[in-house]
Amino acid sequence: MEASRAEQARLRLFWDDLANPDHAGLLADAGITHVIVPDSGDTPFRWQEAARPFARASVPDYLRLVFEAGGARVYALDSP
C-alpha cells in the first residue's frame, strides 16, 4: 500500500506540471505509454479535474494525440 501511495505522489508531479519535459522520463520510467483523458463535459467532478490540465493549448510536446472520440482523448508518450 505504501509503495502505491509513493507512486501516486510521484506521478502527481506529471499532472501538476504537464509542461515540464522531464515528465516524459517520469512516465517512461513508470512504464506508461499512453495517457487517457476522459471527456470532462458531463462527467463526475473527479474527471473534470483530471482533464483540466489537458486544454488543447497546454498539451506538452512529449505527448502526441492518437485518438479522439466524443471529447475523450488518448495521447501516446513520445520517447524521451
C-alpha atoms as a PDB file:
ATOM      1  CA  MET A   1       0.000   0.000   0.000  1.00  0.00           C
ATOM      2  CA  GLU A   2       2.818   2.398   0.864  1.00  0.00           C
ATOM      3  CA  ALA A   3       4.569   1.753  -2.463  1.00  0.00           C
ATOM      4  CA  SER A   4       1.334   2.502  -4.291  1.00  0.00           C
ATOM      5  CA  ARG A   5       0.921   5.813  -2.488  1.00  0.00           C
ATOM      6  CA  ALA A   6       4.510   6.758  -3.221  1.00  0.00           C
ATOM      7  CA  GLU A   7       3.999   6.004  -6.928  1.00  0.00           C
ATOM      8  CA  GLN A   8       0.812   8.075  -6.969  1.00  0.00           C
ATOM      9  CA  ALA A   9       2.627  11.004  -5.373  1.00  0.00           C
ATOM     10  CA  ARG A  10       5.466  10.695  -7.869  1.00  0.00           C
ATOM     11  CA  LEU A  11       3.107  10.621 -10.853  1.00  0.00           C
ATOM     12  CA  ARG A  12       1.097  13.525  -9.458  1.00  0.00           C
ATOM     13  CA  LEU A  13       4.084  15.669 -10.470  1.00  0.00           C
ATOM     14  CA  PHE A  14       3.108  14.987 -14.088  1.00  0.00           C
ATOM     15  CA  TRP A  15      -0.498  16.115 -13.605  1.00  0.00           C
ATOM     16  CA  ASP A  16       0.552  19.214 -11.674  1.00  0.00           C
ATOM     17  CA  ASP A  17       3.085  20.400 -14.266  1.00  0.00           C
ATOM     18  CA  LEU A  18       2.447  18.949 -17.725  1.00  0.00           C
ATOM     19  CA  ALA A  19       4.771  21.421 -19.437  1.00  0.00           C
ATOM     20  CA  ASN A  20       7.880  20.072 -17.700  1.00  0.00           C
ATOM     21  CA  PRO A  21       9.719  17.998 -20.345  1.00  0.00           C
ATOM     22  CA  ASP A  22      11.338  15.905 -17.583  1.00  0.00           C
ATOM     23  CA  HIS A  23       7.953  14.277 -17.059  1.00  0.00           C
ATOM     24  CA  ALA A  24       8.368  12.316 -20.299  1.00  0.00           C
ATOM     25  CA  GLY A  25      11.091  10.376 -18.481  1.00  0.00           C
ATOM     26  CA  LEU A  26       8.941  10.090 -15.361  1.00  0.00           C
ATOM     27  CA  LEU A  27       6.131   8.466 -17.353  1.00  0.00           C
ATOM     28  CA  ALA A  28       8.508   6.212 -19.288  1.00  0.00           C
ATOM     29  CA  ASP A  29      10.225   5.049 -16.080  1.00  0.00           C
ATOM     30  CA  ALA A  30       6.788   4.114 -14.698  1.00  0.00           C
ATOM     31  CA  GLY A  31       6.047   2.055 -17.837  1.00  0.00           C
ATOM     32  CA  ILE A  32       3.336   4.431 -19.030  1.00  0.00           C
ATOM     33  CA  THR A  33       2.970   4.605 -22.803  1.00  0.00           C
ATOM     34  CA  HIS A  34      -0.415   6.313 -23.115  1.00  0.00           C
ATOM     35  CA  VAL A  35      -2.428   8.904 -21.201  1.00  0.00           C
ATOM     36  CA  ILE A  36      -6.224   8.742 -21.416  1.00  0.00           C
ATOM     37  CA  VAL A  37      -8.125  11.967 -20.852  1.00  0.00           C
ATOM     38  CA  PRO A  38     -11.874  11.437 -20.486  1.00  0.00           C
ATOM     39  CA  ASP A  39     -14.494  13.827 -21.781  1.00  0.00           C
ATOM     40  CA  SER A  40     -14.965  16.319 -18.975  1.00  0.00           C
ATOM     41  CA  GLY A  41     -18.307  17.717 -20.125  1.00  0.00           C
ATOM     42  CA  ASP A  42     -20.985  15.875 -18.158  1.00  0.00           C
ATOM     43  CA  THR A  43     -18.765  13.552 -16.190  1.00  0.00           C
ATOM     44  CA  PRO A  44     -18.266  13.469 -12.431  1.00  0.00           C
ATOM     45  CA  PHE A  45     -16.109  16.193 -10.885  1.00  0.00           C
ATOM     46  CA  ARG A  46     -13.175  13.809 -10.450  1.00  0.00           C
ATOM     47  CA  TRP A  47     -12.769  13.505 -14.231  1.00  0.00           C
ATOM     48  CA  GLN A  48     -13.287  17.207 -14.826  1.00  0.00           C
ATOM     49  CA  GLU A  49     -10.371  17.862 -12.500  1.00  0.00           C
ATOM     50  CA  ALA A  50      -8.170  15.299 -14.281  1.00  0.00           C
ATOM     51  CA  ALA A  51      -8.961  16.648 -17.746  1.00  0.00           C
ATOM     52  CA  ARG A  52      -8.433  20.326 -16.927  1.00  0.00           C
ATOM     53  CA  PRO A  53      -4.635  20.343 -17.482  1.00  0.00           C
ATOM     54  CA  PHE A  54      -5.209  18.955 -20.961  1.00  0.00           C
ATOM     55  CA  ALA A  55      -6.726  22.023 -22.537  1.00  0.00           C
ATOM     56  CA  ARG A  56      -5.605  21.688 -26.150  1.00  0.00           C
ATOM     57  CA  ALA A  57      -3.256  24.656 -25.898  1.00  0.00           C
ATOM     58  CA  SER A  58      -1.406  23.160 -22.941  1.00  0.00           C
ATOM     59  CA  VAL A  59      -0.638  19.628 -24.194  1.00  0.00           C
ATOM     60  CA  PRO A  60       3.136  19.183 -23.976  1.00  0.00           C
ATOM     61  CA  ASP A  61       5.330  18.232 -26.953  1.00  0.00           C
ATOM     62  CA  TYR A  62       6.206  14.846 -25.471  1.00  0.00           C
ATOM     63  CA  LEU A  63       2.567  13.681 -25.798  1.00  0.00           C
ATOM     64  CA  ARG A  64       1.015  13.020 -29.208  1.00  0.00           C
ATOM     65  CA  LEU A  65      -2.741  12.798 -29.762  1.00  0.00           C
ATOM     66  CA  VAL A  66      -3.511   9.348 -31.224  1.00  0.00           C
ATOM     67  CA  PHE A  67      -7.272   9.045 -30.718  1.00  0.00           C
ATOM     68  CA  GLU A  68     -10.228  11.289 -30.021  1.00  0.00           C
ATOM     69  CA  ALA A  69     -13.931  10.463 -29.764  1.00  0.00           C
ATOM     70  CA  GLY A  70     -16.799  12.194 -28.030  1.00  0.00           C
ATOM     71  CA  GLY A  71     -14.487  14.607 -26.250  1.00  0.00           C
ATOM     72  CA  ALA A  72     -12.256  11.876 -24.786  1.00  0.00           C
ATOM     73  CA  ARG A  73      -8.647  11.784 -25.965  1.00  0.00           C
ATOM     74  CA  VAL A  74      -5.753   9.344 -25.897  1.00  0.00           C
ATOM     75  CA  TYR A  75      -2.170  10.586 -26.060  1.00  0.00           C
ATOM     76  CA  ALA A  76       0.905   8.459 -26.754  1.00  0.00           C
ATOM     77  CA  LEU A  77       4.132   9.197 -24.968  1.00  0.00           C
ATOM     78  CA  ASP A  78       6.868  10.044 -27.460  1.00  0.00           C
ATOM     79  CA  SER A  79      10.174   8.508 -26.440  1.00  0.00           C
ATOM     80  CA  PRO A  80      12.091  10.731 -24.025  1.00  0.00           C
END
